[in-house]
C-alpha cells in the first residue's frame, strides 16, 4: 500500500471522478454510491447483512470474475451510502482481494478509504461553497447551537450521507474552509493534512 498525503489522495480521487464523468464542482453534486458501484464493478453482487458487530460497516471481495459488497443492514440508507463508497475506494485504489470496513481510523488503508469516500461523496469543490451557504442561511435565523445542527443536517441530506459523515467532513476541511473564507478561489485551495507528517 502506498502512503499518500491528503493532497495526493485527493488528486487520485479527482482523476477517477473525471474518468467517471463526475463534475465535483457542481453545486447540486450528489452521488448514490450503490448506483455508481453497479456501473463500475465487475459482475457486482450487493448484499445487506445483519452484522453481529455494529462497528463493521461493510466488506468487499474482488474476485477475478465477480465483485461482492456486503453492507450492514443495521445502518441507515445514508450510512450505507458512505460505507459503499468506502468500499469503492478500496476497489479503485487498493490491490487487496478482500477488505473489511470498520471504524478503525488508525489503519492507513482504512483512512485512505474514509478520506477518499468523503472526497468522492462530498467533494471540497462543492462542499465548501455549500457549507458557507448553509452557514449564512441558518446562523442569521437560529441560535448558534441550533444553526450548527441545522447546517450539518442539511449538508448530510444534500450529499446523501449521515450527519456524522457531514460533521467529519467539516472538521476535516477546516483549513481549506479558512482559505476560502480568506478569499482564495476554490480552484486555488491548498489541500492541507491535519498534521504535516501525517499520511493516509
Foldseek 3Di string as FASTA:
>chain_A
DDWAALVRLLVVLVVVCVVVVHDLQDLLDADQLVVVCVVPFAAEDEEADQDPDPQWAWKWAADPRYIYIYGHPVDDSQANSLVSQLVVQCVPPNPDRMDIAGPPCVDQSNVSSNSSSLCNLQNCSNNLVLLVVLLVVQVVPDPPVVSVQVSLVVSSVSSSHDSVSSVVSCVQCVQQSVVVVVPDRSVPGDRDGPDNPDID
